[in-house]
Amino acid sequence: MSNAPVNSGRRKFLTLTTGVVGGVGAVAVAVPFVKSWSPSEKAKAAGAPVAVDISKIQPGQLIRVEWRGKPVWIVSRTQKIIDELATLDGQLRDPGSEEPQQPDYAANAGRSLKPEIFIAVGLCTHLGCSPSYLPDSFSEQVEGVESGFFCPCHGSKFDMAGRVFQNVPAPLNLVIPPHHYTSDTTILIGLDKGDA
């Protein structure tokens, strides 16, 4: 051991410098690691809300958009279709939408915010096939019902509120995505009105 006096100022400086360099190194290693946990821009875009202009939709017309990689249907229902919905309860598995397949604001007879506009995820609740929209030939599937959705893969049938008929493979009504109107002619699919 040396009998030289200890330079405590130098020791503190070296200790502090080593701590700072070590901290900077730890941050340099941690930033890319933590950043890798964040979803990619492509993933963020896939889950982002979708704005849809419905100003040109015609009565009885269905338009399709994609949200989170799933088809979403927007249908302009005629008054005749709206009136027919009330007559089908006895033929449906869940006419009152008791199962949570829709936001609370869509747990009504039309399963919608506005009776004339129906919005649903266009995937059968049986195996995820995409049913066909039959605007004027659904009576071939369900006698006396003019319009509806038919899944040809296994025969599931849904009315114009996306409610499943009895005695078909699909166990639940179609899913209603979160949505709200940002104007009379624009719908934002993917966010409820209170969400930010």
N, C-alpha and C. Protein backbone atom coordinates (compact mmCIF):
# COMPACT_ATOMS: atom_id res chain seq x y z
N MET A 1 0.82 -1.17 0.00
CA MET A 1 0.00 0.00 0.00
C MET A 1 0.87 1.24 0.00
N SER A 2 0.38 2.21 -0.62
CA SER A 2 1.10 3.46 -0.72
C SER A 2 0.68 4.38 0.40
N ASN A 3 1.60 5.18 0.84
CA ASN A 3 1.28 6.16 1.87
C ASN A 3 0.87 7.50 1.28
N ALA A 4 0.60 7.53 -0.06
CA ALA A 4 0.22 8.78 -0.71
C ALA A 4 -1.16 9.20 -0.22
N PRO A 5 -1.35 10.49 -0.10
CA PRO A 5 -2.67 10.95 0.37
C PRO A 5 -3.75 10.64 -0.68
N VAL A 6 -4.97 10.34 -0.22
CA VAL A 6 -6.11 10.02 -1.09
C VAL A 6 -6.73 11.32 -1.59
N ASN A 7 -6.92 11.39 -2.91
CA ASN A 7 -7.54 12.57 -3.51
C ASN A 7 -9.05 12.29 -3.59
N SER A 8 -9.79 12.71 -2.58
CA SER A 8 -11.22 12.40 -2.53
C SER A 8 -12.01 13.11 -3.63
N GLY A 9 -11.58 14.24 -4.09
CA GLY A 9 -12.26 14.96 -5.18
C GLY A 9 -12.19 14.16 -6.48
N ARG A 10 -11.00 13.61 -6.72
CA ARG A 10 -10.82 12.81 -7.93
C ARG A 10 -11.65 11.54 -7.85
N ARG A 11 -11.68 10.92 -6.67
CA ARG A 11 -12.45 9.69 -6.48
C ARG A 11 -13.94 9.95 -6.73
N LYS A 12 -14.46 11.05 -6.21
CA LYS A 12 -15.88 11.40 -6.41
C LYS A 12 -16.16 11.65 -7.90
N PHE A 13 -15.23 12.34 -8.56
CA PHE A 13 -15.41 12.62 -9.99
C PHE A 13 -15.46 11.32 -10.79
N LEU A 14 -14.54 10.41 -10.52
CA LEU A 14 -14.51 9.13 -11.25
C LEU A 14 -15.77 8.30 -10.95
N THR A 15 -16.22 8.29 -9.72
CA THR A 15 -17.42 7.55 -9.36
C THR A 15 -18.64 8.14 -10.07
N LEU A 16 -18.76 9.45 -10.07
CA LEU A 16 -19.88 10.13 -10.72
C LEU A 16 -19.84 9.91 -12.24
N THR A 17 -18.67 10.03 -12.84
CA THR A 17 -18.52 9.84 -14.29
C THR A 17 -18.87 8.42 -14.67
N THR A 18 -18.42 7.44 -13.90
CA THR A 18 -18.73 6.03 -14.18
C THR A 18 -20.25 5.80 -14.09
N GLY A 19 -20.90 6.38 -13.09
CA GLY A 19 -22.36 6.24 -12.93
C GLY A 19 -23.12 6.85 -14.10
N VAL A 20 -22.69 8.05 -14.56
CA VAL A 20 -23.36 8.72 -15.68
C VAL A 20 -23.18 7.91 -16.95
N VAL A 21 -21.95 7.46 -17.24
CA VAL A 21 -21.69 6.66 -18.45
C VAL A 21 -22.49 5.36 -18.40
N GLY A 22 -22.56 4.73 -17.24
CA GLY A 22 -23.34 3.49 -17.09
C GLY A 22 -24.83 3.75 -17.30
N GLY A 23 -25.35 4.86 -16.77
CA GLY A 23 -26.76 5.21 -16.95
C GLY A 23 -27.10 5.48 -18.41
N VAL A 24 -26.23 6.22 -19.10
CA VAL A 24 -26.44 6.50 -20.52
C VAL A 24 -26.42 5.19 -21.31
N GLY A 25 -25.52 4.30 -20.99
CA GLY A 25 -25.45 3.01 -21.66
C GLY A 25 -26.70 2.18 -21.42
N ALA A 26 -27.21 2.20 -20.18
CA ALA A 26 -28.43 1.45 -19.87
C ALA A 26 -29.62 1.99 -20.65
N VAL A 27 -29.74 3.32 -20.75
CA VAL A 27 -30.83 3.93 -21.51
C VAL A 27 -30.69 3.59 -22.99
N ALA A 28 -29.46 3.63 -23.51
CA ALA A 28 -29.22 3.32 -24.92
C ALA A 28 -29.64 1.88 -25.25
N VAL A 29 -29.45 0.98 -24.32
CA VAL A 29 -29.85 -0.41 -24.53
C VAL A 29 -31.35 -0.56 -24.33
N ALA A 30 -31.94 0.13 -23.36
CA ALA A 30 -33.35 -0.04 -23.00
C ALA A 30 -34.30 0.55 -24.03
N VAL A 31 -33.94 1.69 -24.65
CA VAL A 31 -34.87 2.36 -25.57
C VAL A 31 -35.29 1.45 -26.72
N PRO A 32 -34.37 0.84 -27.47
CA PRO A 32 -34.82 -0.04 -28.55
C PRO A 32 -35.62 -1.24 -28.04
N PHE A 33 -35.24 -1.74 -26.88
CA PHE A 33 -35.94 -2.88 -26.30
C PHE A 33 -37.39 -2.51 -25.97
N VAL A 34 -37.59 -1.41 -25.29
CA VAL A 34 -38.94 -0.97 -24.92
C VAL A 34 -39.73 -0.59 -26.16
N LYS A 35 -39.08 0.05 -27.13
CA LYS A 35 -39.75 0.46 -28.36
C LYS A 35 -40.26 -0.75 -29.14
N SER A 36 -39.58 -1.88 -29.02
CA SER A 36 -40.00 -3.09 -29.74
C SER A 36 -41.33 -3.62 -29.21
N TRP A 37 -41.74 -3.21 -28.03
CA TRP A 37 -43.03 -3.64 -27.47
C TRP A 37 -44.19 -2.88 -28.10
N SER A 38 -43.95 -1.72 -28.65
CA SER A 38 -45.01 -0.91 -29.25
C SER A 38 -45.45 -1.52 -30.57
N PRO A 39 -46.75 -1.41 -30.91
CA PRO A 39 -47.19 -1.94 -32.20
C PRO A 39 -46.60 -1.13 -33.36
N SER A 40 -46.42 -1.79 -34.47
CA SER A 40 -45.90 -1.12 -35.66
C SER A 40 -46.92 -0.13 -36.19
N GLU A 41 -46.48 0.74 -37.10
CA GLU A 41 -47.40 1.70 -37.71
C GLU A 41 -48.49 0.97 -38.49
N LYS A 42 -48.13 -0.14 -39.13
CA LYS A 42 -49.11 -0.93 -39.87
C LYS A 42 -50.16 -1.51 -38.93
N ALA A 43 -49.72 -2.00 -37.77
CA ALA A 43 -50.66 -2.55 -36.79
C ALA A 43 -51.55 -1.46 -36.22
N LYS A 44 -50.98 -0.28 -35.98
CA LYS A 44 -51.79 0.84 -35.48
C LYS A 44 -52.86 1.23 -36.49
N ALA A 45 -52.48 1.27 -37.76
CA ALA A 45 -53.43 1.64 -38.81
C ALA A 45 -54.53 0.60 -38.94
N ALA A 46 -54.20 -0.67 -38.76
CA ALA A 46 -55.19 -1.73 -38.88
C ALA A 46 -56.25 -1.64 -37.80
N GLY A 47 -55.90 -1.13 -36.63
CA GLY A 47 -56.86 -1.03 -35.55
C GLY A 47 -57.46 0.36 -35.41
N ALA A 48 -57.07 1.26 -36.28
CA ALA A 48 -57.54 2.64 -36.19
C ALA A 48 -59.01 2.74 -36.58
N PRO A 49 -59.71 3.72 -36.02
CA PRO A 49 -61.09 3.94 -36.44
C PRO A 49 -61.17 4.29 -37.93
N VAL A 50 -62.30 3.99 -38.53
CA VAL A 50 -62.52 4.24 -39.95
C VAL A 50 -63.69 5.21 -40.11
N ALA A 51 -63.46 6.32 -40.79
CA ALA A 51 -64.53 7.27 -41.09
C ALA A 51 -65.19 6.89 -42.41
N VAL A 52 -66.52 6.85 -42.43
CA VAL A 52 -67.25 6.44 -43.62
C VAL A 52 -68.30 7.50 -43.96
N ASP A 53 -68.25 7.96 -45.21
CA ASP A 53 -69.23 8.92 -45.71
C ASP A 53 -70.41 8.13 -46.27
N ILE A 54 -71.59 8.33 -45.70
CA ILE A 54 -72.78 7.61 -46.17
C ILE A 54 -73.74 8.53 -46.92
N SER A 55 -73.26 9.68 -47.35
CA SER A 55 -74.14 10.65 -48.01
C SER A 55 -74.73 10.13 -49.32
N LYS A 56 -74.06 9.18 -49.97
CA LYS A 56 -74.54 8.70 -51.27
C LYS A 56 -75.16 7.31 -51.20
N ILE A 57 -75.30 6.74 -50.01
CA ILE A 57 -75.89 5.41 -49.89
C ILE A 57 -77.38 5.46 -50.24
N GLN A 58 -77.81 4.49 -51.05
CA GLN A 58 -79.20 4.44 -51.50
C GLN A 58 -80.01 3.49 -50.60
N PRO A 59 -81.33 3.69 -50.48
CA PRO A 59 -82.16 2.78 -49.68
C PRO A 59 -81.99 1.34 -50.15
N GLY A 60 -81.73 0.46 -49.20
CA GLY A 60 -81.52 -0.95 -49.51
C GLY A 60 -80.10 -1.31 -49.88
N GLN A 61 -79.25 -0.32 -50.06
CA GLN A 61 -77.86 -0.56 -50.49
C GLN A 61 -76.98 -0.95 -49.30
N LEU A 62 -76.02 -1.84 -49.56
CA LEU A 62 -75.01 -2.22 -48.57
C LEU A 62 -73.66 -1.75 -49.09
N ILE A 63 -72.91 -1.08 -48.21
CA ILE A 63 -71.52 -0.76 -48.55
C ILE A 63 -70.62 -1.47 -47.54
N ARG A 64 -69.43 -1.83 -48.00
CA ARG A 64 -68.48 -2.55 -47.16
C ARG A 64 -67.25 -1.70 -46.94
N VAL A 65 -66.76 -1.73 -45.69
CA VAL A 65 -65.49 -1.11 -45.35
C VAL A 65 -64.70 -2.12 -44.53
N GLU A 66 -63.44 -1.86 -44.33
CA GLU A 66 -62.62 -2.77 -43.52
C GLU A 66 -62.20 -2.05 -42.26
N TRP A 67 -62.35 -2.73 -41.14
CA TRP A 67 -61.92 -2.22 -39.85
C TRP A 67 -61.29 -3.39 -39.08
N ARG A 68 -60.04 -3.20 -38.64
CA ARG A 68 -59.29 -4.24 -37.95
C ARG A 68 -59.20 -5.53 -38.74
N GLY A 69 -59.12 -5.40 -40.05
CA GLY A 69 -59.00 -6.57 -40.92
C GLY A 69 -60.30 -7.33 -41.11
N LYS A 70 -61.41 -6.77 -40.66
CA LYS A 70 -62.71 -7.44 -40.79
C LYS A 70 -63.62 -6.62 -41.68
N PRO A 71 -64.51 -7.30 -42.42
CA PRO A 71 -65.48 -6.54 -43.22
C PRO A 71 -66.56 -5.96 -42.31
N VAL A 72 -66.88 -4.71 -42.53
CA VAL A 72 -67.99 -4.08 -41.81
C VAL A 72 -69.01 -3.65 -42.84
N TRP A 73 -70.27 -4.03 -42.58
CA TRP A 73 -71.36 -3.69 -43.49
C TRP A 73 -72.08 -2.45 -42.97
N ILE A 74 -72.46 -1.59 -43.88
CA ILE A 74 -73.33 -0.46 -43.58
C ILE A 74 -74.48 -0.57 -44.57
N VAL A 75 -75.69 -0.73 -44.03
CA VAL A 75 -76.87 -0.93 -44.87
C VAL A 75 -77.86 0.19 -44.60
N SER A 76 -78.39 0.74 -45.68
CA SER A 76 -79.47 1.72 -45.58
C SER A 76 -80.79 0.94 -45.61
N ARG A 77 -81.45 0.88 -44.46
CA ARG A 77 -82.70 0.11 -44.39
C ARG A 77 -83.89 0.98 -44.80
N THR A 78 -84.77 0.38 -45.57
CA THR A 78 -86.00 1.07 -45.96
C THR A 78 -87.01 0.98 -44.81
N GLN A 79 -88.06 1.77 -44.88
CA GLN A 79 -89.09 1.73 -43.84
C GLN A 79 -89.75 0.35 -43.81
N LYS A 80 -89.90 -0.27 -44.98
CA LYS A 80 -90.49 -1.61 -45.04
C LYS A 80 -89.63 -2.61 -44.26
N ILE A 81 -88.32 -2.52 -44.41
CA ILE A 81 -87.41 -3.41 -43.69
C ILE A 81 -87.51 -3.14 -42.18
N ILE A 82 -87.53 -1.88 -41.80
CA ILE A 82 -87.61 -1.52 -40.38
C ILE A 82 -88.91 -2.06 -39.78
N ASP A 83 -90.02 -1.92 -40.50
CA ASP A 83 -91.31 -2.42 -40.01
C ASP A 83 -91.31 -3.94 -39.88
N GLU A 84 -90.63 -4.61 -40.80
CA GLU A 84 -90.60 -6.08 -40.79
C GLU A 84 -89.84 -6.64 -39.58
N LEU A 85 -88.85 -5.90 -39.08
CA LEU A 85 -88.05 -6.39 -37.95
C LEU A 85 -88.91 -6.76 -36.75
N ALA A 86 -89.94 -5.99 -36.47
CA ALA A 86 -90.78 -6.23 -35.30
C ALA A 86 -91.62 -7.50 -35.43
N THR A 87 -91.76 -8.03 -36.62
CA THR A 87 -92.61 -9.22 -36.83
C THR A 87 -91.84 -10.53 -36.74
N LEU A 88 -90.53 -10.47 -36.53
CA LEU A 88 -89.70 -11.68 -36.62
C LEU A 88 -89.32 -12.30 -35.28
N ASP A 89 -89.64 -11.67 -34.17
CA ASP A 89 -89.14 -12.12 -32.86
C ASP A 89 -89.33 -13.61 -32.60
N GLY A 90 -90.46 -14.17 -32.98
CA GLY A 90 -90.74 -15.58 -32.71
C GLY A 90 -89.86 -16.54 -33.50
N GLN A 91 -89.18 -16.05 -34.53
CA GLN A 91 -88.33 -16.91 -35.36
C GLN A 91 -86.85 -16.77 -35.02
N LEU A 92 -86.52 -15.90 -34.08
CA LEU A 92 -85.12 -15.56 -33.80
C LEU A 92 -84.62 -16.20 -32.51
N ARG A 93 -83.34 -16.50 -32.47
CA ARG A 93 -82.71 -17.10 -31.30
C ARG A 93 -82.56 -16.09 -30.16
N ASP A 94 -82.19 -14.87 -30.47
CA ASP A 94 -81.97 -13.83 -29.46
C ASP A 94 -82.58 -12.51 -29.95
N PRO A 95 -83.92 -12.45 -30.01
CA PRO A 95 -84.56 -11.27 -30.59
C PRO A 95 -84.32 -9.98 -29.80
N GLY A 96 -84.14 -10.10 -28.49
CA GLY A 96 -83.92 -8.92 -27.66
C GLY A 96 -82.47 -8.54 -27.49
N SER A 97 -81.59 -9.21 -28.22
CA SER A 97 -80.15 -8.95 -28.14
C SER A 97 -79.63 -9.01 -26.70
N GLU A 98 -79.99 -10.08 -26.02
CA GLU A 98 -79.55 -10.28 -24.63
C GLU A 98 -78.05 -10.59 -24.55
N GLU A 99 -77.53 -11.31 -25.54
CA GLU A 99 -76.09 -11.62 -25.56
C GLU A 99 -75.33 -10.34 -25.92
N PRO A 100 -74.17 -10.12 -25.29
CA PRO A 100 -73.43 -8.87 -25.51
C PRO A 100 -72.66 -8.84 -26.84
N GLN A 101 -73.40 -8.81 -27.92
CA GLN A 101 -72.80 -8.76 -29.26
C GLN A 101 -72.82 -7.34 -29.82
N GLN A 102 -73.21 -6.37 -29.00
CA GLN A 102 -73.33 -5.01 -29.45
C GLN A 102 -73.10 -4.06 -28.28
N PRO A 103 -72.71 -2.81 -28.57
CA PRO A 103 -72.61 -1.82 -27.50
C PRO A 103 -74.00 -1.57 -26.91
N ASP A 104 -74.04 -1.06 -25.70
CA ASP A 104 -75.32 -0.81 -25.03
C ASP A 104 -76.26 0.06 -25.86
N TYR A 105 -75.72 1.05 -26.56
CA TYR A 105 -76.58 1.94 -27.33
C TYR A 105 -77.20 1.26 -28.55
N ALA A 106 -76.75 0.06 -28.89
CA ALA A 106 -77.32 -0.67 -30.02
C ALA A 106 -78.12 -1.89 -29.56
N ALA A 107 -78.43 -1.97 -28.28
CA ALA A 107 -79.23 -3.08 -27.76
C ALA A 107 -80.71 -2.69 -27.86
N ASN A 108 -81.18 -2.49 -29.08
CA ASN A 108 -82.57 -2.14 -29.33
C ASN A 108 -83.07 -2.99 -30.49
N ALA A 109 -84.32 -2.82 -30.88
CA ALA A 109 -84.90 -3.67 -31.93
C ALA A 109 -84.13 -3.61 -33.24
N GLY A 110 -83.61 -2.45 -33.59
CA GLY A 110 -82.87 -2.32 -34.84
C GLY A 110 -81.38 -2.54 -34.69
N ARG A 111 -80.92 -2.67 -33.43
CA ARG A 111 -79.50 -2.84 -33.12
C ARG A 111 -78.67 -1.75 -33.79
N SER A 112 -79.12 -0.49 -33.64
CA SER A 112 -78.45 0.62 -34.30
C SER A 112 -78.72 1.93 -33.58
N LEU A 113 -77.91 2.94 -33.91
CA LEU A 113 -78.14 4.29 -33.39
C LEU A 113 -79.28 4.96 -34.13
N LYS A 114 -79.33 4.78 -35.45
CA LYS A 114 -80.40 5.32 -36.29
C LYS A 114 -81.12 4.15 -36.94
N PRO A 115 -82.43 4.10 -36.86
CA PRO A 115 -83.16 2.94 -37.41
C PRO A 115 -82.87 2.66 -38.88
N GLU A 116 -82.63 3.71 -39.67
CA GLU A 116 -82.45 3.51 -41.11
C GLU A 116 -81.05 3.06 -41.50
N ILE A 117 -80.09 3.11 -40.58
CA ILE A 117 -78.72 2.69 -40.88
C ILE A 117 -78.32 1.53 -39.97
N PHE A 118 -77.96 0.41 -40.59
CA PHE A 118 -77.51 -0.78 -39.85
C PHE A 118 -76.03 -0.99 -40.11
N ILE A 119 -75.28 -1.18 -39.03
CA ILE A 119 -73.83 -1.39 -39.11
C ILE A 119 -73.49 -2.68 -38.37
N ALA A 120 -72.76 -3.58 -39.02
CA ALA A 120 -72.38 -4.85 -38.38
C ALA A 120 -71.08 -5.36 -38.95
N VAL A 121 -70.37 -6.15 -38.16
CA VAL A 121 -69.20 -6.88 -38.66
C VAL A 121 -69.75 -8.02 -39.51
N GLY A 122 -69.33 -8.09 -40.75
CA GLY A 122 -69.88 -9.05 -41.70
C GLY A 122 -69.27 -10.43 -41.62
N LEU A 123 -69.21 -10.99 -40.41
CA LEU A 123 -68.69 -12.35 -40.22
C LEU A 123 -69.69 -13.18 -39.45
N CYS A 124 -70.00 -14.35 -39.97
CA CYS A 124 -70.93 -15.27 -39.31
C CYS A 124 -70.37 -15.66 -37.96
N THR A 125 -71.23 -15.74 -36.97
CA THR A 125 -70.79 -16.09 -35.62
C THR A 125 -70.63 -17.60 -35.43
N HIS A 126 -70.81 -18.36 -36.50
CA HIS A 126 -70.58 -19.79 -36.42
C HIS A 126 -69.09 -20.09 -36.61
N LEU A 127 -68.57 -19.88 -37.82
CA LEU A 127 -67.17 -20.16 -38.10
C LEU A 127 -66.43 -19.00 -38.74
N GLY A 128 -67.05 -17.83 -38.78
CA GLY A 128 -66.37 -16.64 -39.29
C GLY A 128 -66.42 -16.47 -40.80
N CYS A 129 -67.31 -17.18 -41.48
CA CYS A 129 -67.49 -16.97 -42.92
C CYS A 129 -68.19 -15.62 -43.12
N SER A 130 -68.20 -15.13 -44.34
CA SER A 130 -68.88 -13.86 -44.62
C SER A 130 -70.20 -14.14 -45.32
N PRO A 131 -71.32 -13.91 -44.64
CA PRO A 131 -72.64 -14.15 -45.25
C PRO A 131 -72.89 -13.25 -46.45
N SER A 132 -73.82 -13.67 -47.27
CA SER A 132 -74.24 -12.89 -48.44
C SER A 132 -75.42 -12.02 -48.06
N TYR A 133 -75.45 -10.83 -48.62
CA TYR A 133 -76.58 -9.93 -48.43
C TYR A 133 -77.60 -10.23 -49.53
N LEU A 134 -78.81 -10.58 -49.12
CA LEU A 134 -79.88 -10.89 -50.08
C LEU A 134 -80.97 -9.83 -49.90
N PRO A 135 -80.86 -8.71 -50.63
CA PRO A 135 -81.79 -7.60 -50.41
C PRO A 135 -83.23 -7.88 -50.85
N ASP A 136 -83.41 -8.78 -51.82
CA ASP A 136 -84.78 -9.03 -52.28
C ASP A 136 -85.07 -10.51 -52.58
N SER A 137 -84.17 -11.40 -52.14
CA SER A 137 -84.41 -12.83 -52.40
C SER A 137 -84.21 -13.68 -51.14
N PHE A 138 -84.23 -13.06 -49.97
CA PHE A 138 -84.02 -13.81 -48.73
C PHE A 138 -85.19 -14.75 -48.44
N SER A 139 -86.36 -14.49 -49.05
CA SER A 139 -87.54 -15.34 -48.82
C SER A 139 -87.29 -16.77 -49.29
N GLU A 140 -86.26 -16.99 -50.13
CA GLU A 140 -85.89 -18.35 -50.51
C GLU A 140 -85.27 -19.09 -49.32
N GLN A 141 -84.76 -18.34 -48.35
CA GLN A 141 -84.15 -18.93 -47.16
C GLN A 141 -85.14 -18.98 -45.98
N VAL A 142 -85.87 -17.88 -45.79
CA VAL A 142 -86.87 -17.79 -44.72
C VAL A 142 -88.15 -17.28 -45.35
N GLU A 143 -89.15 -18.12 -45.38
CA GLU A 143 -90.41 -17.78 -46.04
C GLU A 143 -91.02 -16.50 -45.46
N GLY A 144 -91.39 -15.61 -46.35
CA GLY A 144 -92.07 -14.38 -45.94
C GLY A 144 -91.15 -13.25 -45.52
N VAL A 145 -89.84 -13.48 -45.53
CA VAL A 145 -88.90 -12.43 -45.14
C VAL A 145 -88.12 -12.04 -46.39
N GLU A 146 -88.30 -10.79 -46.83
CA GLU A 146 -87.74 -10.36 -48.12
C GLU A 146 -86.24 -10.14 -48.10
N SER A 147 -85.70 -9.54 -47.02
CA SER A 147 -84.28 -9.17 -46.98
C SER A 147 -83.60 -9.78 -45.77
N GLY A 148 -82.32 -10.13 -45.95
CA GLY A 148 -81.55 -10.68 -44.84
C GLY A 148 -80.16 -11.08 -45.30
N PHE A 149 -79.46 -11.76 -44.40
CA PHE A 149 -78.10 -12.21 -44.67
C PHE A 149 -78.07 -13.74 -44.55
N PHE A 150 -77.46 -14.39 -45.53
CA PHE A 150 -77.41 -15.84 -45.57
C PHE A 150 -75.97 -16.29 -45.71
N CYS A 151 -75.54 -17.20 -44.83
CA CYS A 151 -74.20 -17.75 -44.90
C CYS A 151 -74.29 -19.10 -45.62
N PRO A 152 -73.87 -19.15 -46.88
CA PRO A 152 -74.01 -20.38 -47.65
C PRO A 152 -73.12 -21.53 -47.17
N CYS A 153 -72.09 -21.23 -46.39
CA CYS A 153 -71.17 -22.28 -45.94
C CYS A 153 -71.88 -23.34 -45.10
N HIS A 154 -72.69 -22.90 -44.12
CA HIS A 154 -73.35 -23.85 -43.24
C HIS A 154 -74.82 -23.53 -43.02
N GLY A 155 -75.33 -22.51 -43.73
CA GLY A 155 -76.76 -22.26 -43.70
C GLY A 155 -77.27 -21.33 -42.62
N SER A 156 -76.41 -20.55 -41.98
CA SER A 156 -76.88 -19.62 -40.97
C SER A 156 -77.60 -18.45 -41.63
N LYS A 157 -78.62 -17.93 -40.93
CA LYS A 157 -79.46 -16.87 -41.48
C LYS A 157 -79.61 -15.77 -40.44
N PHE A 158 -79.56 -14.53 -40.91
CA PHE A 158 -79.66 -13.36 -40.04
C PHE A 158 -80.64 -12.37 -40.65
N ASP A 159 -81.43 -11.70 -39.79
CA ASP A 159 -82.36 -10.69 -40.30
C ASP A 159 -81.62 -9.38 -40.55
N MET A 160 -82.35 -8.35 -40.91
CA MET A 160 -81.73 -7.07 -41.28
C MET A 160 -81.30 -6.25 -40.06
N ALA A 161 -81.35 -6.84 -38.88
CA ALA A 161 -80.74 -6.26 -37.69
C ALA A 161 -79.58 -7.14 -37.22
N GLY A 162 -79.24 -8.13 -38.06
CA GLY A 162 -78.14 -9.03 -37.72
C GLY A 162 -78.49 -10.04 -36.65
N ARG A 163 -79.78 -10.23 -36.39
CA ARG A 163 -80.21 -11.21 -35.39
C ARG A 163 -80.33 -12.58 -36.04
N VAL A 164 -79.81 -13.58 -35.37
CA VAL A 164 -79.75 -14.93 -35.94
C VAL A 164 -81.10 -15.64 -35.80
N PHE A 165 -81.47 -16.35 -36.86
CA PHE A 165 -82.69 -17.15 -36.82
C PHE A 165 -82.45 -18.42 -36.02
N GLN A 166 -83.53 -19.04 -35.55
CA GLN A 166 -83.45 -20.29 -34.80
C GLN A 166 -83.08 -21.43 -35.75
N ASN A 167 -82.59 -22.51 -35.16
CA ASN A 167 -82.30 -23.76 -35.87
C ASN A 167 -81.27 -23.61 -37.00
N VAL A 168 -80.27 -22.78 -36.76
CA VAL A 168 -79.14 -22.65 -37.69
C VAL A 168 -77.86 -22.81 -36.87
N PRO A 169 -76.72 -23.08 -37.51
CA PRO A 169 -75.48 -23.30 -36.75
C PRO A 169 -74.97 -22.09 -35.97
N ALA A 170 -75.18 -20.88 -36.46
CA ALA A 170 -74.65 -19.70 -35.77
C ALA A 170 -75.31 -19.56 -34.41
N PRO A 171 -74.50 -19.42 -33.34
CA PRO A 171 -75.07 -19.35 -31.99
C PRO A 171 -75.48 -17.95 -31.55
N LEU A 172 -74.93 -16.92 -32.20
CA LEU A 172 -75.13 -15.55 -31.72
C LEU A 172 -75.49 -14.61 -32.86
N ASN A 173 -76.05 -13.47 -32.49
CA ASN A 173 -76.30 -12.40 -33.46
C ASN A 173 -74.98 -11.88 -34.00
N LEU A 174 -75.03 -11.19 -35.13
CA LEU A 174 -73.83 -10.56 -35.68
C LEU A 174 -73.30 -9.51 -34.71
N VAL A 175 -72.01 -9.29 -34.74
CA VAL A 175 -71.36 -8.30 -33.86
C VAL A 175 -71.60 -6.90 -34.42
N ILE A 176 -71.98 -5.99 -33.54
CA ILE A 176 -72.11 -4.58 -33.90
C ILE A 176 -70.86 -3.88 -33.37
N PRO A 177 -70.06 -3.27 -34.25
CA PRO A 177 -68.83 -2.63 -33.79
C PRO A 177 -69.13 -1.31 -33.08
N PRO A 178 -68.22 -0.84 -32.23
CA PRO A 178 -68.41 0.49 -31.65
C PRO A 178 -68.39 1.52 -32.78
N HIS A 179 -69.27 2.49 -32.69
CA HIS A 179 -69.34 3.52 -33.73
C HIS A 179 -70.14 4.71 -33.23
N HIS A 180 -70.00 5.80 -33.92
CA HIS A 180 -70.84 6.97 -33.66
C HIS A 180 -70.83 7.87 -34.89
N TYR A 181 -71.79 8.77 -34.92
CA TYR A 181 -71.91 9.71 -36.03
C TYR A 181 -71.14 10.98 -35.68
N THR A 182 -70.25 11.38 -36.58
CA THR A 182 -69.55 12.65 -36.38
C THR A 182 -70.29 13.78 -37.08
N SER A 183 -71.21 13.41 -38.01
CA SER A 183 -72.11 14.35 -38.66
C SER A 183 -73.30 13.52 -39.15
N ASP A 184 -74.26 14.16 -39.80
CA ASP A 184 -75.42 13.42 -40.30
C ASP A 184 -75.03 12.39 -41.36
N THR A 185 -73.91 12.60 -42.02
CA THR A 185 -73.54 11.71 -43.12
C THR A 185 -72.18 11.02 -42.95
N THR A 186 -71.59 11.14 -41.77
CA THR A 186 -70.29 10.50 -41.53
C THR A 186 -70.34 9.66 -40.26
N ILE A 187 -69.90 8.42 -40.40
CA ILE A 187 -69.86 7.49 -39.27
C ILE A 187 -68.40 7.18 -38.97
N LEU A 188 -68.04 7.16 -37.70
CA LEU A 188 -66.70 6.76 -37.29
C LEU A 188 -66.83 5.37 -36.66
N ILE A 189 -66.31 4.36 -37.36
CA ILE A 189 -66.39 2.98 -36.90
C ILE A 189 -65.12 2.67 -36.12
N GLY A 190 -65.28 2.13 -34.91
CA GLY A 190 -64.14 1.76 -34.09
C GLY A 190 -64.06 2.52 -32.79
N LEU A 191 -64.85 3.57 -32.64
CA LEU A 191 -64.85 4.34 -31.40
C LEU A 191 -66.28 4.68 -30.99
N ASP A 192 -66.56 4.51 -29.71
CA ASP A 192 -67.82 5.01 -29.18
C ASP A 192 -67.70 6.52 -29.04
N LYS A 193 -68.81 7.20 -28.90
CA LYS A 193 -68.79 8.67 -28.85
C LYS A 193 -67.95 9.19 -27.69
N GLY A 194 -67.96 8.54 -26.54
CA GLY A 194 -67.23 9.01 -25.38
C GLY A 194 -65.74 8.70 -25.39
N ASP A 195 -65.30 7.83 -26.30
CA ASP A 195 -63.88 7.46 -26.37
C ASP A 195 -63.06 8.58 -26.98
N ALA A 196 -61.80 8.65 -26.57
CA ALA A 196 -60.93 9.67 -27.15
C ALA A 196 -59.88 9.04 -28.03
